[in-house]
Amino acid sequence: MTESNELPSKTEPAGLLNTAVNIFVAPSEAFVEIQQRPSKAIPLLVIISSMGLALFWYFNILDYDWFVDDFIATMQESSISGPGFFIDSGNDANNAEALREQMLSVSPNTFMLFGVLGGIASSLLVFVLQSSYLSLTTALSGERIKFTHWFSLVIWAGLPTLLSVMGMIVTIYLSPNGQLSAYDLDPLTLANLGMQSSNASVEQILSSLNLTMLWSLVLVIMAHRQWLGSSLLKATTMVTAPYILILGIWAYFAFT
């Protein structure tokens, strides 16, 4: 086993608050703390509770009738499928009206419940999948860093998403009439920061990516390099490979 695979000598506990601050200002110190003491509960609770509260506020003030019309209009522009329907921007107004009736049959409270729980569940799923992938790849290469360390890392590295949550809160506050598209909710997405495309599928990709997501990826790359003593190129390739694959498939269908 190489020297880079050995866990660093135990240091004094930094504490949760110091670790959170170090994620932003001194990530290498935070990575040492996370590797030695892979805590998970508190940062995970902070992330999902803040996101859940922001989404609850959003769905609570949302003009549901307006949202349904805006959602269907967006689907018609991009000619994408809905739940049980395909909206063709050319001549499928009947399906659009049927979808509208189907969506309006769901009560706003039920829609809010699914929206909040769905947002939280998707974040948890990303954390689990990312840490499982990193655990598997390092295990296959004979490294000793386990799932619990990677899971703790991706959660702590997810703290920058709190900036997106803060941006969402400001956006909701500035939209008291409730006519706010889900695509416009996060001001830190690449689309809302000015990156635009005439291709509807590419526009959806730009609306799905935000600066805090990229920041979190950079943190995981830095930790991978520090923990395993790997090169920057190798760390970047290993960490971003699943994302590049998904974006590549998405882009393929966007341009074909």
C-alpha atoms as a PDB file:
ATOM      1  CA  MET A   1       0.000   0.000   0.000  1.00  0.00           C
ATOM      2  CA  THR A   2       1.424   3.359  -0.963  1.00  0.00           C
ATOM      3  CA  GLU A   3       1.991   6.185   1.439  1.00  0.00           C
ATOM      4  CA  SER A   4      -0.800   8.230  -0.168  1.00  0.00           C
ATOM      5  CA  ASN A   5      -3.307   5.556   0.843  1.00  0.00           C
ATOM      6  CA  GLU A   6      -2.502   5.878   4.536  1.00  0.00           C
ATOM      7  CA  LEU A   7      -4.900   7.907   6.651  1.00  0.00           C
ATOM      8  CA  PRO A   8      -3.262  11.069   8.017  1.00  0.00           C
ATOM      9  CA  SER A   9      -2.298  11.215  11.675  1.00  0.00           C
ATOM     10  CA  LYS A  10      -5.214  12.049  13.920  1.00  0.00           C
ATOM     11  CA  THR A  11      -5.684  15.740  14.570  1.00  0.00           C
ATOM     12  CA  GLU A  12      -7.790  17.522  17.147  1.00  0.00           C
ATOM     13  CA  PRO A  13     -11.484  17.640  16.174  1.00  0.00           C
ATOM     14  CA  ALA A  14     -12.205  20.824  14.279  1.00  0.00           C
ATOM     15  CA  GLY A  15     -15.890  20.920  15.134  1.00  0.00           C
ATOM     16  CA  LEU A  16     -18.852  21.075  12.787  1.00  0.00           C
ATOM     17  CA  LEU A  17     -18.937  24.864  12.517  1.00  0.00           C
ATOM     18  CA  ASN A  18     -15.231  25.141  11.707  1.00  0.00           C
ATOM     19  CA  THR A  19     -15.531  22.350   9.155  1.00  0.00           C
ATOM     20  CA  ALA A  20     -18.439  24.151   7.496  1.00  0.00           C
ATOM     21  CA  VAL A  21     -16.466  27.391   7.339  1.00  0.00           C
ATOM     22  CA  ASN A  22     -13.374  25.582   6.056  1.00  0.00           C
ATOM     23  CA  ILE A  23     -15.364  24.043   3.191  1.00  0.00           C
ATOM     24  CA  PHE A  24     -15.613  27.589   1.834  1.00  0.00           C
ATOM     25  CA  VAL A  25     -12.318  29.166   2.916  1.00  0.00           C
ATOM     26  CA  ALA A  26      -9.853  26.299   3.572  1.00  0.00           C
ATOM     27  CA  PRO A  27     -11.186  23.129   1.943  1.00  0.00           C
ATOM     28  CA  SER A  28      -7.981  21.114   2.366  1.00  0.00           C
ATOM     29  CA  GLU A  29      -8.325  21.433   6.155  1.00  0.00           C
ATOM     30  CA  ALA A  30     -11.970  20.413   5.945  1.00  0.00           C
ATOM     31  CA  PHE A  31     -11.021  17.336   3.893  1.00  0.00           C
ATOM     32  CA  VAL A  32      -8.614  16.183   6.619  1.00  0.00           C
ATOM     33  CA  GLU A  33     -11.365  16.505   9.231  1.00  0.00           C
ATOM     34  CA  ILE A  34     -13.917  14.693   7.051  1.00  0.00           C
ATOM     35  CA  GLN A  35     -11.518  11.851   6.311  1.00  0.00           C
ATOM     36  CA  GLN A  36     -10.757  11.339  10.001  1.00  0.00           C
ATOM     37  CA  ARG A  37     -14.274  11.970  11.318  1.00  0.00           C
ATOM     38  CA  PRO A  38     -16.808  11.441   8.509  1.00  0.00           C
ATOM     39  CA  SER A  39     -19.829  13.127  10.079  1.00  0.00           C
ATOM     40  CA  LYS A  40     -22.999  13.246   8.022  1.00  0.00           C
ATOM     41  CA  ALA A  41     -26.169  13.943   9.993  1.00  0.00           C
ATOM     42  CA  ILE A  42     -25.859  17.673  10.710  1.00  0.00           C
ATOM     43  CA  PRO A  43     -24.731  18.913   7.275  1.00  0.00           C
ATOM     44  CA  LEU A  44     -27.301  16.660   5.608  1.00  0.00           C
ATOM     45  CA  LEU A  45     -30.033  17.996   7.890  1.00  0.00           C
ATOM     46  CA  VAL A  46     -29.009  21.584   7.141  1.00  0.00           C
ATOM     47  CA  ILE A  47     -29.093  21.016   3.383  1.00  0.00           C
ATOM     48  CA  ILE A  48     -32.380  19.120   3.126  1.00  0.00           C
ATOM     49  CA  SER A  49     -34.219  21.246   5.704  1.00  0.00           C
ATOM     50  CA  SER A  50     -33.223  24.536   4.076  1.00  0.00           C
ATOM     51  CA  MET A  51     -34.099  23.204   0.634  1.00  0.00           C
ATOM     52  CA  GLY A  52     -37.362  21.773   1.918  1.00  0.00           C
ATOM     53  CA  LEU A  53     -38.367  25.071   3.518  1.00  0.00           C
ATOM     54  CA  ALA A  54     -37.544  27.033   0.348  1.00  0.00           C
ATOM     55  CA  LEU A  55     -39.560  24.628  -1.801  1.00  0.00           C
ATOM     56  CA  PHE A  56     -42.437  24.695   0.688  1.00  0.00           C
ATOM     57  CA  TRP A  57     -42.542  28.485   0.477  1.00  0.00           C
ATOM     58  CA  TYR A  58     -42.352  28.364  -3.316  1.00  0.00           C
ATOM     59  CA  PHE A  59     -45.247  25.935  -3.722  1.00  0.00           C
ATOM     60  CA  ASN A  60     -47.215  27.722  -1.012  1.00  0.00           C
ATOM     61  CA  ILE A  61     -47.198  31.075  -2.898  1.00  0.00           C
ATOM     62  CA  LEU A  62     -47.355  29.526  -6.365  1.00  0.00           C
ATOM     63  CA  ASP A  63     -50.238  30.558  -8.626  1.00  0.00           C
ATOM     64  CA  TYR A  64     -51.141  26.999  -9.558  1.00  0.00           C
ATOM     65  CA  ASP A  65     -53.360  27.808 -12.545  1.00  0.00           C
ATOM     66  CA  TRP A  66     -50.647  30.037 -13.984  1.00  0.00           C
ATOM     67  CA  PHE A  67     -48.022  27.357 -13.318  1.00  0.00           C
ATOM     68  CA  VAL A  68     -50.004  24.723 -15.214  1.00  0.00           C
ATOM     69  CA  ASP A  69     -50.430  27.023 -18.230  1.00  0.00           C
ATOM     70  CA  ASP A  70     -46.730  27.972 -18.145  1.00  0.00           C
ATOM     71  CA  PHE A  71     -45.670  24.328 -17.836  1.00  0.00           C
ATOM     72  CA  ILE A  72     -47.765  23.269 -20.821  1.00  0.00           C
ATOM     73  CA  ALA A  73     -46.537  26.224 -22.879  1.00  0.00           C
ATOM     74  CA  THR A  74     -42.937  25.221 -22.114  1.00  0.00           C
ATOM     75  CA  MET A  75     -43.670  21.638 -23.145  1.00  0.00           C
ATOM     76  CA  GLN A  76     -45.227  22.805 -26.400  1.00  0.00           C
ATOM     77  CA  GLU A  77     -42.197  24.936 -27.215  1.00  0.00           C
ATOM     78  CA  SER A  78     -39.806  22.033 -26.685  1.00  0.00           C
ATOM     79  CA  SER A  79     -42.179  19.283 -27.916  1.00  0.00           C
ATOM     80  CA  ILE A  80     -41.438  17.057 -24.938  1.00  0.00           C
ATOM     81  CA  SER A  81     -43.656  14.440 -23.385  1.00  0.00           C
ATOM     82  CA  GLY A  82     -45.814  14.916 -20.354  1.00  0.00           C
ATOM     83  CA  PRO A  83     -47.303  12.371 -17.921  1.00  0.00           C
ATOM     84  CA  GLY A  84     -49.181  10.158 -20.358  1.00  0.00           C
ATOM     85  CA  PHE A  85     -49.189  12.668 -23.210  1.00  0.00           C
ATOM     86  CA  PHE A  86     -47.029  13.988 -25.982  1.00  0.00           C
ATOM     87  CA  ILE A  87     -47.373  17.698 -26.649  1.00  0.00           C
ATOM     88  CA  ASP A  88     -46.744  18.484 -30.290  1.00  0.00           C
ATOM     89  CA  SER A  89     -46.257  22.191 -30.863  1.00  0.00           C
ATOM     90  CA  GLY A  90     -47.802  21.796 -34.305  1.00  0.00           C
ATOM     91  CA  ASN A  91     -51.371  20.597 -33.844  1.00  0.00           C
ATOM     92  CA  ASP A  92     -51.963  18.708 -30.603  1.00  0.00           C
ATOM     93  CA  ALA A  93     -54.048  21.267 -28.717  1.00  0.00           C
ATOM     94  CA  ASN A  94     -56.467  18.558 -27.557  1.00  0.00           C
ATOM     95  CA  ASN A  95     -53.734  16.688 -25.722  1.00  0.00           C
ATOM     96  CA  ALA A  96     -52.555  19.949 -24.178  1.00  0.00           C
ATOM     97  CA  GLU A  97     -56.047  20.671 -22.856  1.00  0.00           C
ATOM     98  CA  ALA A  98     -56.370  17.103 -21.571  1.00  0.00           C
ATOM     99  CA  LEU A  99     -53.058  17.425 -19.759  1.00  0.00           C
ATOM    100  CA  ARG A 100     -54.168  20.740 -18.294  1.00  0.00           C
ATOM    101  CA  GLU A 101     -57.328  19.130 -16.920  1.00  0.00           C
ATOM    102  CA  GLN A 102     -55.322  16.233 -15.523  1.00  0.00           C
ATOM    103  CA  MET A 103     -52.890  18.540 -13.726  1.00  0.00           C
ATOM    104  CA  LEU A 104     -55.663  20.751 -12.357  1.00  0.00           C
ATOM    105  CA  SER A 105     -57.364  17.659 -10.956  1.00  0.00           C
ATOM    106  CA  VAL A 106     -54.455  17.412  -8.503  1.00  0.00           C
ATOM    107  CA  SER A 107     -54.956  19.697  -5.510  1.00  0.00           C
ATOM    108  CA  PRO A 108     -52.306  22.388  -4.914  1.00  0.00           C
ATOM    109  CA  ASN A 109     -51.553  20.874  -1.494  1.00  0.00           C
ATOM    110  CA  THR A 110     -50.908  17.452  -3.011  1.00  0.00           C
ATOM    111  CA  PHE A 111     -48.773  19.017  -5.708  1.00  0.00           C
ATOM    112  CA  MET A 112     -46.822  20.911  -3.037  1.00  0.00           C
ATOM    113  CA  LEU A 113     -46.269  17.705  -1.045  1.00  0.00           C
ATOM    114  CA  PHE A 114     -44.904  15.865  -4.063  1.00  0.00           C
ATOM    115  CA  GLY A 115     -42.807  18.879  -5.083  1.00  0.00           C
ATOM    116  CA  VAL A 116     -41.140  19.285  -1.686  1.00  0.00           C
ATOM    117  CA  LEU A 117     -40.582  15.581  -1.102  1.00  0.00           C
ATOM    118  CA  GLY A 118     -39.407  15.119  -4.694  1.00  0.00           C
ATOM    119  CA  GLY A 119     -36.842  17.894  -4.367  1.00  0.00           C
ATOM    120  CA  ILE A 120     -35.468  16.427  -1.133  1.00  0.00           C
ATOM    121  CA  ALA A 121     -35.486  12.858  -2.458  1.00  0.00           C
ATOM    122  CA  SER A 122     -33.648  13.839  -5.636  1.00  0.00           C
ATOM    123  CA  SER A 123     -30.900  15.520  -3.615  1.00  0.00           C
ATOM    124  CA  LEU A 124     -30.518  12.469  -1.386  1.00  0.00           C
ATOM    125  CA  LEU A 125     -30.417  10.212  -4.441  1.00  0.00           C
ATOM    126  CA  VAL A 126     -27.629  12.279  -6.009  1.00  0.00           C
ATOM    127  CA  PHE A 127     -25.611  12.099  -2.767  1.00  0.00           C
ATOM    128  CA  VAL A 128     -26.023   8.319  -2.547  1.00  0.00           C
ATOM    129  CA  LEU A 129     -25.245   7.661  -6.217  1.00  0.00           C
ATOM    130  CA  GLN A 130     -22.203   9.927  -6.257  1.00  0.00           C
ATOM    131  CA  SER A 131     -20.713   8.457  -3.080  1.00  0.00           C
ATOM    132  CA  SER A 132     -21.501   4.893  -4.244  1.00  0.00           C
ATOM    133  CA  TYR A 133     -19.720   5.541  -7.529  1.00  0.00           C
ATOM    134  CA  LEU A 134     -16.654   6.996  -5.801  1.00  0.00           C
ATOM    135  CA  SER A 135     -16.606   4.144  -3.287  1.00  0.00           C
ATOM    136  CA  LEU A 136     -16.794   1.555  -6.058  1.00  0.00           C
ATOM    137  CA  THR A 137     -14.082   3.104  -8.230  1.00  0.00           C
ATOM    138  CA  THR A 138     -11.665   3.507  -5.329  1.00  0.00           C
ATOM    139  CA  ALA A 139     -12.367  -0.037  -4.077  1.00  0.00           C
ATOM    140  CA  LEU A 140     -11.609  -1.438  -7.523  1.00  0.00           C
ATOM    141  CA  SER A 141      -8.269   0.351  -7.479  1.00  0.00           C
ATOM    142  CA  GLY A 142      -7.409  -1.042  -4.035  1.00  0.00           C
ATOM    143  CA  GLU A 143      -7.830   2.156  -2.021  1.00  0.00           C
ATOM    144  CA  ARG A 144      -8.954   2.036   1.600  1.00  0.00           C
ATOM    145  CA  ILE A 145     -11.383   4.943   1.573  1.00  0.00           C
ATOM    146  CA  LYS A 146     -14.866   3.586   2.185  1.00  0.00           C
ATOM    147  CA  PHE A 147     -18.431   4.588   1.330  1.00  0.00           C
ATOM    148  CA  THR A 148     -18.973   6.374   4.642  1.00  0.00           C
ATOM    149  CA  HIS A 149     -16.074   8.750   3.895  1.00  0.00           C
ATOM    150  CA  TRP A 150     -17.270   9.521   0.378  1.00  0.00           C
ATOM    151  CA  PHE A 151     -20.860   9.978   1.575  1.00  0.00           C
ATOM    152  CA  SER A 152     -19.701  12.414   4.229  1.00  0.00           C
ATOM    153  CA  LEU A 153     -17.566  14.237   1.670  1.00  0.00           C
ATOM    154  CA  VAL A 154     -20.298  14.723  -0.938  1.00  0.00           C
ATOM    155  CA  ILE A 155     -22.659  16.007   1.743  1.00  0.00           C
ATOM    156  CA  TRP A 156     -20.142  18.519   3.088  1.00  0.00           C
ATOM    157  CA  ALA A 157     -19.200  19.463  -0.476  1.00  0.00           C
ATOM    158  CA  GLY A 158     -22.893  20.113  -1.051  1.00  0.00           C
ATOM    159  CA  LEU A 159     -22.918  23.033   1.391  1.00  0.00           C
ATOM    160  CA  PRO A 160     -22.419  25.598  -1.424  1.00  0.00           C
ATOM    161  CA  THR A 161     -25.936  24.672  -2.581  1.00  0.00           C
ATOM    162  CA  LEU A 162     -27.106  26.758   0.371  1.00  0.00           C
ATOM    163  CA  LEU A 163     -26.194  29.779  -1.772  1.00  0.00           C
ATOM    164  CA  SER A 164     -28.681  28.559  -4.384  1.00  0.00           C
ATOM    165  CA  VAL A 165     -31.268  28.139  -1.637  1.00  0.00           C
ATOM    166  CA  MET A 166     -30.642  31.717  -0.514  1.00  0.00           C
ATOM    167  CA  GLY A 167     -31.039  32.866  -4.108  1.00  0.00           C
ATOM    168  CA  MET A 168     -34.306  30.933  -4.355  1.00  0.00           C
ATOM    169  CA  ILE A 169     -35.585  32.610  -1.199  1.00  0.00           C
ATOM    170  CA  VAL A 170     -34.815  36.067  -2.608  1.00  0.00           C
ATOM    171  CA  THR A 171     -36.496  35.163  -5.913  1.00  0.00           C
ATOM    172  CA  ILE A 172     -39.626  33.914  -4.138  1.00  0.00           C
ATOM    173  CA  TYR A 173     -39.730  37.062  -1.998  1.00  0.00           C
ATOM    174  CA  LEU A 174     -39.586  39.218  -5.131  1.00  0.00           C
ATOM    175  CA  SER A 175     -42.450  37.268  -6.747  1.00  0.00           C
ATOM    176  CA  PRO A 176     -45.375  37.771  -4.356  1.00  0.00           C
ATOM    177  CA  ASN A 177     -47.958  37.142  -7.096  1.00  0.00           C
ATOM    178  CA  GLY A 178     -46.813  33.516  -7.332  1.00  0.00           C
ATOM    179  CA  GLN A 179     -46.229  33.622 -11.077  1.00  0.00           C
ATOM    180  CA  LEU A 180     -42.758  32.126 -10.923  1.00  0.00           C
ATOM    181  CA  SER A 181     -41.568  29.334 -13.204  1.00  0.00           C
ATOM    182  CA  ALA A 182     -39.536  26.518 -11.705  1.00  0.00           C
ATOM    183  CA  TYR A 183     -36.874  27.316 -14.321  1.00  0.00           C
ATOM    184  CA  ASP A 184     -36.573  30.856 -12.940  1.00  0.00           C
ATOM    185  CA  LEU A 185     -36.531  29.831  -9.285  1.00  0.00           C
ATOM    186  CA  ASP A 186     -32.755  29.424  -8.893  1.00  0.00           C
ATOM    187  CA  PRO A 187     -30.912  32.582 -10.014  1.00  0.00           C
ATOM    188  CA  LEU A 188     -27.598  30.715 -10.135  1.00  0.00           C
ATOM    189  CA  THR A 189     -28.438  28.342 -12.978  1.00  0.00           C
ATOM    190  CA  LEU A 190     -26.372  28.832 -16.105  1.00  0.00           C
ATOM    191  CA  ALA A 191     -29.508  29.825 -18.028  1.00  0.00           C
ATOM    192  CA  ASN A 192     -30.469  32.492 -15.499  1.00  0.00           C
ATOM    193  CA  LEU A 193     -26.899  33.792 -15.503  1.00  0.00           C
ATOM    194  CA  GLY A 194     -27.185  34.579 -19.197  1.00  0.00           C
ATOM    195  CA  MET A 195     -26.234  31.419 -21.066  1.00  0.00           C
ATOM    196  CA  GLN A 196     -28.963  30.876 -23.655  1.00  0.00           C
ATOM    197  CA  SER A 197     -29.600  28.525 -26.550  1.00  0.00           C
ATOM    198  CA  SER A 198     -32.186  28.369 -29.315  1.00  0.00           C
ATOM    199  CA  ASN A 199     -32.296  24.582 -28.825  1.00  0.00           C
ATOM    200  CA  ALA A 200     -34.948  23.787 -26.208  1.00  0.00           C
ATOM    201  CA  SER A 201     -33.143  20.669 -24.951  1.00  0.00           C
ATOM    202  CA  VAL A 202     -29.876  22.550 -24.515  1.00  0.00           C
ATOM    203  CA  GLU A 203     -31.801  25.289 -22.733  1.00  0.00           C
ATOM    204  CA  GLN A 204     -33.074  22.662 -20.290  1.00  0.00           C
ATOM    205  CA  ILE A 205     -29.518  21.515 -19.634  1.00  0.00           C
ATOM    206  CA  LEU A 206     -28.467  25.100 -18.932  1.00  0.00           C
ATOM    207  CA  SER A 207     -31.461  25.458 -16.615  1.00  0.00           C
ATOM    208  CA  SER A 208     -30.461  22.290 -14.746  1.00  0.00           C
ATOM    209  CA  LEU A 209     -26.830  23.247 -14.114  1.00  0.00           C
ATOM    210  CA  ASN A 210     -25.908  25.906 -11.585  1.00  0.00           C
ATOM    211  CA  LEU A 211     -22.748  27.418 -10.173  1.00  0.00           C
ATOM    212  CA  THR A 212     -23.092  25.777  -6.766  1.00  0.00           C
ATOM    213  CA  MET A 213     -23.306  22.342  -8.389  1.00  0.00           C
ATOM    214  CA  LEU A 214     -20.056  23.033 -10.235  1.00  0.00           C
ATOM    215  CA  TRP A 215     -18.512  24.380  -7.015  1.00  0.00           C
ATOM    216  CA  SER A 216     -19.433  21.153  -5.198  1.00  0.00           C
ATOM    217  CA  LEU A 217     -17.891  19.077  -7.994  1.00  0.00           C
ATOM    218  CA  VAL A 218     -14.665  21.060  -7.735  1.00  0.00           C
ATOM    219  CA  LEU A 219     -14.563  20.381  -3.992  1.00  0.00           C
ATOM    220  CA  VAL A 220     -14.985  16.636  -4.541  1.00  0.00           C
ATOM    221  CA  ILE A 221     -12.210  16.721  -7.165  1.00  0.00           C
ATOM    222  CA  MET A 222      -9.911  18.521  -4.720  1.00  0.00           C
ATOM    223  CA  ALA A 223     -10.672  15.983  -1.976  1.00  0.00           C
ATOM    224  CA  HIS A 224     -10.148  13.046  -4.357  1.00  0.00           C
ATOM    225  CA  ARG A 225      -6.754  14.426  -5.283  1.00  0.00           C
ATOM    226  CA  GLN A 226      -5.801  15.086  -1.653  1.00  0.00           C
ATOM    227  CA  TRP A 227      -7.030  11.780  -0.234  1.00  0.00           C
ATOM    228  CA  LEU A 228      -5.622   9.553  -2.961  1.00  0.00           C
ATOM    229  CA  GLY A 229      -2.585  11.576  -4.007  1.00  0.00           C
ATOM    230  CA  SER A 230      -3.781  11.450  -7.614  1.00  0.00           C
ATOM    231  CA  SER A 231      -3.069  13.938 -10.362  1.00  0.00           C
ATOM    232  CA  LEU A 232      -5.503  16.733 -11.086  1.00  0.00           C
ATOM    233  CA  LEU A 233      -6.343  15.178 -14.449  1.00  0.00           C
ATOM    234  CA  LYS A 234      -7.085  11.758 -12.941  1.00  0.00           C
ATOM    235  CA  ALA A 235      -9.154  13.210 -10.100  1.00  0.00           C
ATOM    236  CA  THR A 236     -11.153  15.369 -12.498  1.00  0.00           C
ATOM    237  CA  THR A 237     -11.741  12.464 -14.873  1.00  0.00           C
ATOM    238  CA  MET A 238     -12.819  10.057 -12.141  1.00  0.00           C
ATOM    239  CA  VAL A 239     -15.193  12.478 -10.409  1.00  0.00           C
ATOM    240  CA  THR A 240     -16.812  13.990 -13.492  1.00  0.00           C
ATOM    241  CA  ALA A 241     -17.067  10.861 -15.668  1.00  0.00           C
ATOM    242  CA  PRO A 242     -20.724  10.051 -14.772  1.00  0.00           C
ATOM    243  CA  TYR A 243     -21.785  13.659 -15.312  1.00  0.00           C
ATOM    244  CA  ILE A 244     -20.009  13.883 -18.648  1.00  0.00           C
ATOM    245  CA  LEU A 245     -21.667  10.639 -19.744  1.00  0.00           C
ATOM    246  CA  ILE A 246     -25.147  11.865 -18.749  1.00  0.00           C
ATOM    247  CA  LEU A 247     -24.642  15.264 -20.383  1.00  0.00           C
ATOM    248  CA  GLY A 248     -23.230  13.582 -23.478  1.00  0.00           C
ATOM    249  CA  ILE A 249     -26.319  11.386 -23.844  1.00  0.00           C
ATOM    250  CA  TRP A 250     -28.574  14.371 -23.193  1.00  0.00           C
ATOM    251  CA  ALA A 251     -26.702  16.467 -25.760  1.00  0.00           C
ATOM    252  CA  TYR A 252     -26.856  13.658 -28.311  1.00  0.00           C
ATOM    253  CA  PHE A 253     -30.641  13.538 -28.179  1.00  0.00           C
ATOM    254  CA  ALA A 254     -30.774  17.335 -28.117  1.00  0.00           C
ATOM    255  CA  PHE A 255     -29.049  17.632 -31.491  1.00  0.00           C
ATOM    256  CA  THR A 256     -30.530  14.568 -33.220  1.00  0.00           C
END
